[in-house]
């Protein structure tokens, strides 16, 4: 019999073994909750949860580890709720055990557990599980952390600062998690791989100024994220964010064309770079000079130029343009 302290309350923990079929998955666990949300199921049965959990790579890897070890190294933590026992810690391990039991029901029928008493409140469970995974282990993805904090915000209806204190996160981190995840929920896109896209989009100050003025922008960008038209999350920061930050008349026109669907982010950024406001022109010139002075490049170019007048023609055109630019800039 062990003990745990949550807040100012101390609880006895019963260490024992249980039949794994007697344990329920916890729908508030972010590994469970995130998978279900991504599949559009807000009120799943236990069999639906189990089926989904069994398909995740994390569970498949745990299954191999548990089998090789001959059992669990770390017991599940369950809480009593009436006649039920719910796994608040170790849902992935429970799913892995279910896979093993499909092949050998006798060997994998029981597993070690720590049982928390029925008197522990839902808020205390949030604190306990959140402290383990958000602060100590930090084994949840940022998306899973955000989903957990958001869900508790919905259930507790408390200030950001309260949630932050409960699990040891900073207030700004909790606010960011909730703001970004809420945006994903509101726009019907809780695909975990899209988190980085929306984090860049929602938290960028330059982009926010346009979102406030043009609400239709959200629908446009969300659609492009869903379809994969925006190829990388960093494009939102490094391309759209830079255009939005410039805030001159030309940049405003480019942003409006993006919002109105007249151009995509890649084309918009090419136009923006042409204005010279991206700050990348010097880097491009330096890269070009490095290429032209590279011995490997010069040897390869000379070999290719033998009997090929087009290369010499291109070099002469480049020289002509460079001479013209130098004269103009040197005046």
Protein backbone atom coordinates (compact mmCIF):
# COMPACT_ATOMS: atom_id res chain seq x y z
CA UNK A 1 0.00 0.00 0.00
CA UNK A 2 1.53 3.28 -1.12
CA UNK A 3 0.50 6.93 -0.93
CA UNK A 4 0.31 9.92 -3.26
CA UNK A 5 -0.18 13.58 -2.48
CA UNK A 6 -2.23 15.78 -4.83
CA UNK A 7 -2.46 19.39 -3.79
CA UNK A 8 -2.92 19.20 -0.05
CA UNK A 9 -4.67 15.84 -0.02
CA UNK A 10 -3.01 12.49 0.57
CA UNK A 11 -4.46 9.31 -0.89
CA UNK A 12 -3.68 5.63 -0.32
CA UNK A 13 -2.75 3.64 -3.41
CA UNK A 14 -3.51 -0.08 -3.54
CA UNK A 15 -0.93 -2.14 -5.44
CA UNK A 16 -2.39 -5.31 -6.94
CA UNK A 17 -3.05 -7.24 -10.17
CA UNK A 18 -6.29 -7.09 -12.13
CA UNK A 19 -7.81 -8.82 -15.12
CA UNK A 20 -7.13 -6.43 -17.98
CA UNK A 21 -10.66 -6.92 -19.35
CA UNK A 22 -12.03 -5.36 -16.14
CA UNK A 23 -10.26 -2.05 -16.84
CA UNK A 24 -11.83 0.68 -18.95
CA UNK A 25 -10.03 3.15 -21.20
CA UNK A 26 -10.17 6.75 -19.98
CA UNK A 27 -11.73 8.94 -22.66
CA UNK A 28 -10.03 12.04 -21.20
CA UNK A 29 -6.57 10.58 -21.80
CA UNK A 30 -5.07 12.66 -24.65
CA UNK A 31 -3.74 9.59 -26.46
CA UNK A 32 -7.32 8.28 -26.55
CA UNK A 33 -9.03 11.66 -26.90
CA UNK A 34 -6.79 12.87 -29.74
CA UNK A 35 -7.21 9.69 -31.79
CA UNK A 36 -10.98 9.82 -31.37
CA UNK A 37 -11.26 13.52 -32.23
CA UNK A 38 -9.18 12.97 -35.37
CA UNK A 39 -11.65 10.29 -36.41
CA UNK A 40 -14.66 12.48 -35.61
CA UNK A 41 -16.01 10.36 -32.76
CA UNK A 42 -17.03 12.33 -29.67
CA UNK A 43 -18.97 9.60 -27.85
CA UNK A 44 -17.17 6.30 -28.43
CA UNK A 45 -17.80 2.90 -26.94
CA UNK A 46 -15.01 1.02 -25.18
CA UNK A 47 -14.70 -1.39 -28.11
CA UNK A 48 -14.32 1.55 -30.52
CA UNK A 49 -11.60 3.07 -28.33
CA UNK A 50 -9.77 -0.25 -28.16
CA UNK A 51 -9.96 -0.76 -31.91
CA UNK A 52 -8.55 2.69 -32.59
CA UNK A 53 -5.82 2.48 -29.97
CA UNK A 54 -4.61 -0.84 -31.34
CA UNK A 55 -3.85 0.79 -34.69
CA UNK A 56 -1.43 3.44 -33.33
CA UNK A 57 2.33 3.02 -33.78
CA UNK A 58 2.94 3.83 -30.11
CA UNK A 59 0.79 0.88 -28.99
CA UNK A 60 2.37 -1.48 -31.52
CA UNK A 61 5.84 -0.58 -30.23
CA UNK A 62 4.72 -1.05 -26.60
CA UNK A 63 3.31 -4.45 -27.49
CA UNK A 64 6.75 -5.60 -28.66
CA UNK A 65 8.49 -4.14 -25.59
CA UNK A 66 6.04 -5.74 -23.15
CA UNK A 67 6.27 -9.11 -24.88
CA UNK A 68 10.07 -9.03 -24.86
CA UNK A 69 10.10 -8.07 -21.18
CA UNK A 70 7.52 -10.67 -20.22
CA UNK A 71 5.19 -8.09 -18.71
CA UNK A 72 4.93 -4.49 -17.60
CA UNK A 73 7.80 -2.67 -15.94
CA UNK A 74 5.53 0.20 -14.89
CA UNK A 75 2.04 -0.68 -13.56
CA UNK A 76 -1.11 1.01 -14.85
CA UNK A 77 -2.76 3.58 -12.62
CA UNK A 78 -6.51 3.12 -12.35
CA UNK A 79 -9.19 4.93 -10.42
CA UNK A 80 -12.37 3.43 -9.04
CA UNK A 81 -15.59 5.00 -10.31
CA UNK A 82 -18.55 3.12 -8.82
CA UNK A 83 -18.20 -0.49 -9.96
CA UNK A 84 -15.78 0.45 -12.74
CA UNK A 85 -12.01 0.79 -12.82
CA UNK A 86 -10.68 3.34 -15.32
CA UNK A 87 -7.08 3.51 -16.56
CA UNK A 88 -6.09 7.15 -16.09
CA UNK A 89 -2.41 6.35 -16.66
CA UNK A 90 -1.29 3.64 -19.10
CA UNK A 91 -4.04 3.51 -21.72
CA UNK A 92 -1.51 2.68 -24.45
CA UNK A 93 -0.10 -0.12 -22.31
CA UNK A 94 -3.63 -1.46 -21.76
CA UNK A 95 -4.23 -1.47 -25.53
CA UNK A 96 -0.91 -3.29 -26.05
CA UNK A 97 -1.97 -5.92 -23.49
CA UNK A 98 -5.25 -6.39 -25.35
CA UNK A 99 -3.30 -7.13 -28.55
CA UNK A 100 -1.15 -9.68 -26.71
CA UNK A 101 -4.25 -11.24 -25.12
CA UNK A 102 -5.77 -11.73 -28.57
CA UNK A 103 -2.96 -14.20 -29.26
CA UNK A 104 -2.61 -15.73 -25.78
CA UNK A 105 -5.56 -14.91 -23.45
CA UNK A 106 -4.23 -16.95 -20.55
CA UNK A 107 -0.71 -15.48 -20.39
CA UNK A 108 -1.82 -11.88 -20.80
CA UNK A 109 -5.04 -11.93 -18.81
CA UNK A 110 -3.72 -10.01 -15.78
CA UNK A 111 -1.48 -6.98 -15.32
CA UNK A 112 -0.12 -4.98 -12.36
CA UNK A 113 -2.02 -1.83 -11.33
CA UNK A 114 -1.99 0.96 -8.78
CA UNK A 115 -5.57 1.69 -7.72
CA UNK A 116 -6.55 5.21 -6.66
CA UNK A 117 -9.59 5.54 -4.39
CA UNK A 118 -13.03 6.58 -5.58
CA UNK A 119 -12.88 9.73 -3.44
CA UNK A 120 -10.29 11.38 -5.70
CA UNK A 121 -11.96 14.14 -7.75
CA UNK A 122 -11.81 14.67 -11.51
CA UNK A 123 -9.90 17.92 -10.98
CA UNK A 124 -7.32 16.08 -8.86
CA UNK A 125 -7.01 13.43 -11.57
CA UNK A 126 -6.27 16.21 -14.07
CA UNK A 127 -3.58 17.61 -11.78
CA UNK A 128 -2.07 14.17 -11.15
CA UNK A 129 -1.96 13.01 -14.78
CA UNK A 130 -1.03 16.45 -16.13
CA UNK A 131 1.87 16.82 -13.73
CA UNK A 132 3.26 13.44 -14.81
CA UNK A 133 3.04 13.98 -18.56
CA UNK A 134 3.27 17.76 -18.98
CA UNK A 135 6.10 18.40 -16.53
CA UNK A 136 7.89 15.19 -15.46
CA UNK A 137 7.85 12.70 -18.34
CA UNK A 138 6.94 15.18 -21.08
CA UNK A 139 6.16 12.18 -23.28
CA UNK A 140 2.99 13.58 -24.82
CA UNK A 141 3.27 15.47 -28.08
CA UNK A 142 2.53 19.20 -27.97
CA UNK A 143 -0.78 18.45 -29.71
CA UNK A 144 -1.71 15.89 -27.04
CA UNK A 145 -0.73 18.32 -24.27
CA UNK A 146 -2.85 21.04 -25.84
CA UNK A 147 -5.80 18.69 -26.27
CA UNK A 148 -5.59 17.71 -22.60
CA UNK A 149 -5.39 21.28 -21.32
CA UNK A 150 -8.20 22.40 -23.67
CA UNK A 151 -10.46 19.56 -22.58
CA UNK A 152 -9.92 20.39 -18.92
CA UNK A 153 -10.62 24.04 -19.64
CA UNK A 154 -13.94 22.99 -21.13
CA UNK A 155 -14.77 20.81 -18.14
CA UNK A 156 -13.57 23.08 -15.32
CA UNK A 157 -14.51 26.48 -16.80
CA UNK A 158 -11.65 28.06 -14.88
CA UNK A 159 -9.07 30.79 -15.70
CA UNK A 160 -5.91 29.95 -17.63
CA UNK A 161 -3.86 30.80 -14.55
CA UNK A 162 -5.66 28.13 -12.52
CA UNK A 163 -4.92 25.40 -15.06
CA UNK A 164 -1.31 26.55 -15.29
CA UNK A 165 -0.80 26.29 -11.53
CA UNK A 166 -2.47 22.88 -11.37
CA UNK A 167 0.01 21.24 -13.75
CA UNK A 168 3.10 23.46 -13.45
CA UNK A 169 2.95 25.10 -16.88
CA UNK A 170 3.29 28.84 -17.51
CA UNK A 171 0.21 30.95 -18.10
CA UNK A 172 1.28 31.95 -21.66
CA UNK A 173 1.88 28.30 -22.57
CA UNK A 174 -1.59 27.30 -21.40
CA UNK A 175 -3.13 30.23 -23.29
CA UNK A 176 -1.31 29.27 -26.48
CA UNK A 177 -2.33 25.63 -26.15
CA UNK A 178 -5.98 26.55 -25.69
CA UNK A 179 -6.06 29.25 -28.39
CA UNK A 180 -4.50 27.02 -31.05
CA UNK A 181 -6.43 23.86 -30.18
CA UNK A 182 -9.72 25.78 -29.98
CA UNK A 183 -9.03 27.20 -33.44
CA UNK A 184 -8.54 23.65 -34.75
CA UNK A 185 -11.77 22.47 -33.12
CA UNK A 186 -13.73 25.48 -34.40
CA UNK A 187 -12.45 24.82 -37.92
CA UNK A 188 -13.14 21.10 -37.80
CA UNK A 189 -9.51 20.05 -38.23
CA UNK A 190 -8.03 18.17 -35.29
CA UNK A 191 -5.52 16.19 -37.37
CA UNK A 192 -2.45 15.95 -35.15
CA UNK A 193 0.03 16.51 -37.99
CA UNK A 194 -1.58 19.92 -38.67
CA UNK A 195 -0.75 21.28 -35.21
CA UNK A 196 2.46 23.05 -36.31
CA UNK A 197 0.65 24.78 -39.16
CA UNK A 198 -2.04 26.20 -36.90
CA UNK A 199 0.42 27.09 -34.16
CA UNK A 200 2.34 29.27 -36.63
CA UNK A 201 -0.86 30.74 -38.04
CA UNK A 202 -2.67 31.56 -34.79
CA UNK A 203 0.33 32.91 -32.85
CA UNK A 204 1.87 35.10 -35.57
CA UNK A 205 1.23 38.76 -34.70
CA UNK A 206 1.51 40.05 -38.26
CA UNK A 207 -0.94 37.46 -39.55
CA UNK A 208 -3.33 38.17 -36.67
CA UNK A 209 -3.67 41.81 -37.73
CA UNK A 210 -4.99 40.62 -41.11
CA UNK A 211 -7.21 37.96 -39.53
CA UNK A 212 -8.84 40.64 -37.39
CA UNK A 213 -9.58 42.78 -40.46
CA UNK A 214 -10.51 39.97 -42.83
CA UNK A 215 -12.28 37.07 -41.04
CA UNK A 216 -12.57 35.20 -44.34
CA UNK A 217 -8.80 34.66 -44.25
CA UNK A 218 -9.16 31.82 -41.74
CA UNK A 219 -11.36 29.80 -44.06
CA UNK A 220 -8.95 30.30 -46.95
CA UNK A 221 -5.82 29.23 -45.02
CA UNK A 222 -7.53 26.33 -43.22
CA UNK A 223 -8.68 24.98 -46.58
CA UNK A 224 -5.14 25.12 -47.93
CA UNK A 225 -3.77 23.35 -44.85
CA UNK A 226 -6.39 20.60 -45.11
CA UNK A 227 -5.71 19.97 -48.80
CA UNK A 228 -1.93 20.13 -48.43
CA UNK A 229 -1.65 23.17 -50.71
CA UNK A 230 0.49 24.75 -47.99
CA UNK A 231 3.30 22.21 -48.02
CA UNK A 232 5.19 23.05 -44.82
CA UNK A 233 4.27 24.68 -41.51
CA UNK A 234 7.33 26.92 -41.75
CA UNK A 235 5.91 28.46 -44.95
CA UNK A 236 3.26 30.13 -42.82
CA UNK A 237 5.94 31.69 -40.62
CA UNK A 238 8.69 32.33 -43.18
CA UNK A 239 6.52 33.36 -46.12
CA UNK A 240 3.04 34.48 -45.09
CA UNK A 241 4.28 35.84 -41.77
CA UNK A 242 7.02 37.93 -43.37
CA UNK A 243 4.65 39.42 -45.94
CA UNK A 244 2.15 40.28 -43.18
CA UNK A 245 4.84 41.85 -41.02
CA UNK A 246 6.00 44.23 -43.78
CA UNK A 247 2.63 46.09 -43.81
CA UNK A 248 3.47 48.49 -46.68
CA UNK A 249 1.06 49.10 -49.59
CA UNK A 250 2.62 46.49 -51.88
CA UNK A 251 2.65 43.85 -49.14
CA UNK A 252 -0.96 44.71 -48.29
CA UNK A 253 -1.98 44.08 -51.90
CA UNK A 254 -0.14 40.76 -51.91
CA UNK A 255 -1.83 39.72 -48.66
CA UNK A 256 -5.25 40.67 -50.05
CA UNK A 257 -4.61 38.51 -53.11
CA UNK A 258 -3.83 35.58 -50.79
CA UNK A 259 -6.98 36.22 -48.75
CA UNK A 260 -9.13 36.55 -51.89
CA UNK A 261 -7.72 33.34 -53.36
CA UNK A 262 -6.06 35.08 -56.32
CA UNK A 263 -2.62 33.69 -55.45
CA UNK A 264 -1.11 31.05 -53.17
CA UNK A 265 1.55 31.57 -50.51
CA UNK A 266 4.44 30.48 -52.73
CA UNK A 267 3.53 32.87 -55.55
CA UNK A 268 2.84 35.64 -53.05
CA UNK A 269 6.28 35.26 -51.53
CA UNK A 270 7.96 35.37 -54.94
CA UNK A 271 6.21 38.70 -55.54
CA UNK A 272 7.23 39.88 -52.09
CA UNK A 273 10.88 38.97 -52.64
CA UNK A 274 10.85 40.93 -55.88
CA UNK A 275 10.10 44.08 -53.89
CA UNK A 276 13.42 43.69 -52.05
CA UNK A 277 11.69 43.79 -48.66
CA UNK A 278 12.32 40.16 -47.71
CA UNK A 279 15.98 40.83 -46.88
CA UNK A 280 17.04 37.77 -48.89
CA UNK A 281 18.60 39.51 -51.91
CA UNK A 282 22.05 39.82 -50.34
CA UNK A 283 21.98 36.14 -49.38
CA UNK A 284 21.03 35.20 -52.94
CA UNK A 285 23.85 37.30 -54.40
CA UNK A 286 26.33 35.72 -51.99
CA UNK A 287 25.10 32.26 -52.92
CA UNK A 288 25.46 33.11 -56.62
CA UNK A 289 29.00 34.42 -56.11
CA UNK A 290 29.97 31.26 -54.19
CA UNK A 291 28.69 29.16 -57.06
CA UNK A 292 30.55 31.19 -59.73
CA UNK A 293 33.85 31.05 -57.81
CA UNK A 294 33.64 27.35 -57.00
CA UNK A 295 36.46 25.41 -58.69
CA UNK A 296 34.22 22.37 -59.10
CA UNK A 297 31.54 24.46 -60.82
CA UNK A 298 34.03 26.22 -63.12
CA UNK A 299 35.64 22.94 -64.20
CA UNK A 300 32.24 21.37 -64.88
CA UNK A 301 30.99 24.46 -66.73
CA UNK A 302 34.09 24.64 -68.96
CA UNK A 303 33.74 20.96 -69.84
CA UNK A 304 30.08 21.42 -70.74
CA UNK A 305 30.83 24.63 -72.71
CA UNK A 306 33.07 22.85 -75.23
CA UNK A 307 31.18 23.06 -78.50
CA UNK A 308 28.16 24.62 -76.71
CA UNK A 309 27.70 28.29 -77.56
CA UNK A 310 24.55 28.64 -75.43
CA UNK A 311 26.54 28.60 -72.18
CA UNK A 312 28.88 31.33 -73.41
CA UNK A 313 25.85 33.32 -74.57
CA UNK A 314 24.20 33.06 -71.13
CA UNK A 315 27.41 34.11 -69.38
CA UNK A 316 27.69 37.19 -71.60
CA UNK A 317 24.09 38.15 -70.79
CA UNK A 318 24.77 37.72 -67.07
CA UNK A 319 27.91 39.86 -67.35
CA UNK A 320 26.00 42.55 -69.21
CA UNK A 321 23.30 42.72 -66.53
CA UNK A 322 25.85 42.72 -63.71
CA UNK A 323 27.86 45.53 -65.34
CA UNK A 324 24.65 47.53 -65.72
CA UNK A 325 23.65 46.99 -62.07
CA UNK A 326 27.11 47.96 -60.82
CA UNK A 327 27.04 51.19 -62.84
CA UNK A 328 23.57 52.08 -61.53
CA UNK A 329 24.41 51.32 -57.90
CA UNK A 330 27.81 53.03 -58.08
CA UNK A 331 26.44 56.35 -59.24
